[in-house]
Amino acid sequence: MKKLTVDIKNHEYDVHIGTNAYELFKTEYAALLESADRIAVIADEHVATVHLPLLQEALQLTGQEIEVKTVPAGESCKTSAVY
């Protein structure tokens, strides 16, 4: 698995790339997920079609409430009005 660290103004986060990325929910991100009241997923409709079922299955193991919002695909939909 590869890790890309994204550094933006006043914030840094990791993006994990690989077929077993969801396994990190059980290890590296377990404490964070356990401390959450619920989990929200925002995905565009194209990405959701391909990846959402697997993501939901992996997150079900956390026992947390999962809320999903699917938005239209495309750059024009990346606005606060859509979200």
N, C-alpha and C. Protein backbone atom coordinates (compact mmCIF):
# COMPACT_ATOMS: atom_id res chain seq x y z
N MET A 1 0.85 -1.17 0.00
CA MET A 1 0.00 0.00 0.00
C MET A 1 0.90 1.23 0.00
N LYS A 2 0.47 2.25 -0.73
CA LYS A 2 1.21 3.49 -0.78
C LYS A 2 0.48 4.56 0.02
N LYS A 3 1.23 5.54 0.52
CA LYS A 3 0.64 6.63 1.28
C LYS A 3 1.12 7.95 0.68
N LEU A 4 0.17 8.83 0.43
CA LEU A 4 0.45 10.16 -0.07
C LEU A 4 0.01 11.15 1.00
N THR A 5 0.92 11.99 1.46
CA THR A 5 0.57 13.01 2.45
C THR A 5 0.25 14.30 1.72
N VAL A 6 -0.95 14.81 1.95
CA VAL A 6 -1.40 16.04 1.33
C VAL A 6 -1.25 17.15 2.35
N ASP A 7 -0.54 18.19 1.98
CA ASP A 7 -0.28 19.31 2.88
C ASP A 7 -0.92 20.56 2.28
N ILE A 8 -2.00 21.01 2.91
CA ILE A 8 -2.66 22.23 2.45
C ILE A 8 -2.57 23.25 3.57
N LYS A 9 -2.99 24.44 3.31
CA LYS A 9 -2.89 25.52 4.28
C LYS A 9 -3.46 25.11 5.64
N ASN A 10 -2.60 25.10 6.64
CA ASN A 10 -2.97 24.81 8.03
C ASN A 10 -3.52 23.40 8.27
N HIS A 11 -3.29 22.47 7.34
CA HIS A 11 -3.82 21.13 7.53
C HIS A 11 -3.02 20.12 6.70
N GLU A 12 -2.91 18.94 7.23
CA GLU A 12 -2.21 17.86 6.54
C GLU A 12 -3.01 16.58 6.75
N TYR A 13 -3.11 15.76 5.71
CA TYR A 13 -3.78 14.47 5.86
C TYR A 13 -3.17 13.45 4.91
N ASP A 14 -3.38 12.19 5.23
CA ASP A 14 -2.82 11.10 4.43
C ASP A 14 -3.89 10.50 3.52
N VAL A 15 -3.49 10.14 2.33
CA VAL A 15 -4.33 9.40 1.39
C VAL A 15 -3.64 8.05 1.19
N HIS A 16 -4.34 6.98 1.48
CA HIS A 16 -3.79 5.64 1.34
C HIS A 16 -4.29 5.05 0.02
N ILE A 17 -3.36 4.47 -0.73
CA ILE A 17 -3.68 3.95 -2.06
C ILE A 17 -3.31 2.47 -2.11
N GLY A 18 -4.29 1.63 -2.37
CA GLY A 18 -4.02 0.20 -2.47
C GLY A 18 -5.28 -0.61 -2.26
N THR A 19 -5.20 -1.87 -2.62
CA THR A 19 -6.38 -2.72 -2.55
C THR A 19 -6.83 -3.02 -1.12
N ASN A 20 -5.95 -2.90 -0.16
CA ASN A 20 -6.31 -3.21 1.23
C ASN A 20 -6.44 -1.96 2.10
N ALA A 21 -6.69 -0.82 1.49
CA ALA A 21 -6.76 0.43 2.25
C ALA A 21 -7.84 0.38 3.34
N TYR A 22 -8.95 -0.29 3.08
CA TYR A 22 -10.02 -0.35 4.07
C TYR A 22 -9.62 -1.12 5.32
N GLU A 23 -8.60 -1.94 5.25
CA GLU A 23 -8.12 -2.67 6.42
C GLU A 23 -7.59 -1.71 7.50
N LEU A 24 -7.22 -0.50 7.10
CA LEU A 24 -6.72 0.49 8.06
C LEU A 24 -7.79 0.92 9.05
N PHE A 25 -9.07 0.69 8.73
CA PHE A 25 -10.14 0.99 9.68
C PHE A 25 -10.00 0.16 10.95
N LYS A 26 -9.41 -1.02 10.83
CA LYS A 26 -9.24 -1.93 11.97
C LYS A 26 -7.98 -1.63 12.76
N THR A 27 -7.05 -0.89 12.18
CA THR A 27 -5.76 -0.66 12.83
C THR A 27 -5.50 0.83 13.01
N GLU A 28 -4.94 1.46 12.01
CA GLU A 28 -4.49 2.85 12.12
C GLU A 28 -5.61 3.83 12.46
N TYR A 29 -6.82 3.58 11.98
CA TYR A 29 -7.92 4.51 12.21
C TYR A 29 -8.96 3.98 13.20
N ALA A 30 -8.69 2.88 13.85
CA ALA A 30 -9.66 2.28 14.77
C ALA A 30 -10.06 3.22 15.90
N ALA A 31 -9.10 3.83 16.56
CA ALA A 31 -9.41 4.71 17.68
C ALA A 31 -10.22 5.92 17.23
N LEU A 32 -9.88 6.49 16.09
CA LEU A 32 -10.61 7.63 15.57
C LEU A 32 -12.06 7.25 15.26
N LEU A 33 -12.26 6.12 14.61
CA LEU A 33 -13.61 5.68 14.27
C LEU A 33 -14.42 5.33 15.51
N GLU A 34 -13.79 4.75 16.51
CA GLU A 34 -14.49 4.40 17.75
C GLU A 34 -14.93 5.64 18.51
N SER A 35 -14.22 6.74 18.36
CA SER A 35 -14.56 7.96 19.09
C SER A 35 -15.66 8.76 18.40
N ALA A 36 -16.02 8.39 17.19
CA ALA A 36 -17.03 9.13 16.42
C ALA A 36 -18.45 8.74 16.83
N ASP A 37 -19.35 9.71 16.82
CA ASP A 37 -20.76 9.43 17.06
C ASP A 37 -21.40 8.79 15.84
N ARG A 38 -20.96 9.23 14.67
CA ARG A 38 -21.43 8.70 13.40
C ARG A 38 -20.40 9.01 12.33
N ILE A 39 -20.57 8.39 11.19
CA ILE A 39 -19.63 8.55 10.08
C ILE A 39 -20.42 9.04 8.88
N ALA A 40 -19.90 10.08 8.22
CA ALA A 40 -20.53 10.62 7.02
C ALA A 40 -19.63 10.37 5.82
N VAL A 41 -20.24 9.96 4.73
CA VAL A 41 -19.52 9.72 3.48
C VAL A 41 -20.19 10.58 2.41
N ILE A 42 -19.37 11.37 1.71
CA ILE A 42 -19.86 12.15 0.58
C ILE A 42 -19.11 11.64 -0.64
N ALA A 43 -19.87 11.21 -1.65
CA ALA A 43 -19.25 10.66 -2.86
C ALA A 43 -20.04 11.07 -4.08
N ASP A 44 -19.31 11.32 -5.18
CA ASP A 44 -20.06 11.61 -6.40
C ASP A 44 -20.64 10.31 -6.93
N GLU A 45 -21.65 10.44 -7.76
CA GLU A 45 -22.42 9.27 -8.17
C GLU A 45 -21.59 8.23 -8.92
N HIS A 46 -20.58 8.67 -9.67
CA HIS A 46 -19.74 7.71 -10.38
C HIS A 46 -18.85 6.93 -9.42
N VAL A 47 -18.22 7.64 -8.50
CA VAL A 47 -17.36 6.98 -7.51
C VAL A 47 -18.19 6.07 -6.61
N ALA A 48 -19.37 6.53 -6.21
CA ALA A 48 -20.23 5.73 -5.35
C ALA A 48 -20.63 4.41 -6.01
N THR A 49 -20.91 4.45 -7.29
CA THR A 49 -21.29 3.23 -8.00
C THR A 49 -20.20 2.16 -7.90
N VAL A 50 -18.96 2.59 -7.99
CA VAL A 50 -17.84 1.65 -8.00
C VAL A 50 -17.39 1.27 -6.59
N HIS A 51 -17.27 2.25 -5.69
CA HIS A 51 -16.59 2.02 -4.42
C HIS A 51 -17.48 2.01 -3.17
N LEU A 52 -18.65 2.61 -3.23
CA LEU A 52 -19.46 2.75 -2.02
C LEU A 52 -19.84 1.42 -1.35
N PRO A 53 -20.26 0.39 -2.08
CA PRO A 53 -20.63 -0.85 -1.40
C PRO A 53 -19.48 -1.44 -0.57
N LEU A 54 -18.28 -1.42 -1.11
CA LEU A 54 -17.13 -1.95 -0.37
C LEU A 54 -16.80 -1.08 0.84
N LEU A 55 -16.87 0.24 0.67
CA LEU A 55 -16.62 1.15 1.79
C LEU A 55 -17.66 0.94 2.89
N GLN A 56 -18.92 0.86 2.52
CA GLN A 56 -19.97 0.65 3.53
C GLN A 56 -19.78 -0.66 4.27
N GLU A 57 -19.42 -1.70 3.54
CA GLU A 57 -19.17 -3.00 4.18
C GLU A 57 -18.03 -2.90 5.19
N ALA A 58 -16.96 -2.22 4.82
CA ALA A 58 -15.82 -2.07 5.73
C ALA A 58 -16.19 -1.22 6.94
N LEU A 59 -16.98 -0.18 6.74
CA LEU A 59 -17.36 0.70 7.86
C LEU A 59 -18.40 0.07 8.77
N GLN A 60 -19.20 -0.87 8.27
CA GLN A 60 -20.19 -1.56 9.10
C GLN A 60 -19.52 -2.23 10.30
N LEU A 61 -18.30 -2.67 10.11
CA LEU A 61 -17.57 -3.35 11.18
C LEU A 61 -17.27 -2.43 12.36
N THR A 62 -17.36 -1.12 12.17
CA THR A 62 -17.10 -0.18 13.26
C THR A 62 -18.26 -0.11 14.23
N GLY A 63 -19.45 -0.48 13.77
CA GLY A 63 -20.63 -0.40 14.62
C GLY A 63 -21.17 1.02 14.73
N GLN A 64 -20.62 1.96 13.98
CA GLN A 64 -21.07 3.34 14.02
C GLN A 64 -22.19 3.57 13.02
N GLU A 65 -22.99 4.60 13.27
CA GLU A 65 -24.01 5.02 12.31
C GLU A 65 -23.30 5.61 11.10
N ILE A 66 -23.72 5.21 9.91
CA ILE A 66 -23.09 5.68 8.67
C ILE A 66 -24.14 6.41 7.84
N GLU A 67 -23.85 7.66 7.52
CA GLU A 67 -24.74 8.46 6.68
C GLU A 67 -24.04 8.70 5.35
N VAL A 68 -24.77 8.49 4.25
CA VAL A 68 -24.19 8.63 2.92
C VAL A 68 -24.94 9.72 2.15
N LYS A 69 -24.18 10.60 1.54
CA LYS A 69 -24.76 11.60 0.62
C LYS A 69 -24.07 11.41 -0.72
N THR A 70 -24.86 11.11 -1.74
CA THR A 70 -24.34 10.97 -3.10
C THR A 70 -24.69 12.24 -3.85
N VAL A 71 -23.70 12.81 -4.50
CA VAL A 71 -23.89 14.05 -5.24
C VAL A 71 -23.60 13.81 -6.71
N PRO A 72 -24.10 14.68 -7.58
CA PRO A 72 -23.82 14.53 -9.01
C PRO A 72 -22.31 14.59 -9.27
N ALA A 73 -21.89 13.91 -10.31
CA ALA A 73 -20.48 13.90 -10.68
C ALA A 73 -20.11 15.19 -11.40
N GLY A 74 -18.84 15.52 -11.33
CA GLY A 74 -18.34 16.66 -12.11
C GLY A 74 -17.89 17.82 -11.26
N GLU A 75 -16.96 18.55 -11.79
CA GLU A 75 -16.39 19.69 -11.08
C GLU A 75 -17.44 20.76 -10.77
N SER A 76 -18.41 20.92 -11.64
CA SER A 76 -19.43 21.97 -11.42
C SER A 76 -20.27 21.70 -10.19
N CYS A 77 -20.26 20.49 -9.68
CA CYS A 77 -21.06 20.13 -8.51
C CYS A 77 -20.29 20.25 -7.20
N LYS A 78 -19.03 20.63 -7.27
CA LYS A 78 -18.22 20.76 -6.06
C LYS A 78 -18.38 22.15 -5.47
N THR A 79 -19.61 22.40 -4.99
CA THR A 79 -19.93 23.69 -4.39
C THR A 79 -20.68 23.45 -3.08
N SER A 80 -20.69 24.46 -2.23
CA SER A 80 -21.41 24.32 -0.96
C SER A 80 -22.92 24.18 -1.19
N ALA A 81 -23.43 24.70 -2.27
CA ALA A 81 -24.86 24.57 -2.56
C ALA A 81 -25.25 23.13 -2.81
N VAL A 82 -24.35 22.35 -3.42
CA VAL A 82 -24.63 20.94 -3.69
C VAL A 82 -24.50 20.12 -2.41
N TYR A 83 -23.51 20.44 -1.58
CA TYR A 83 -23.26 19.67 -0.37
C TYR A 83 -24.16 20.11 0.74
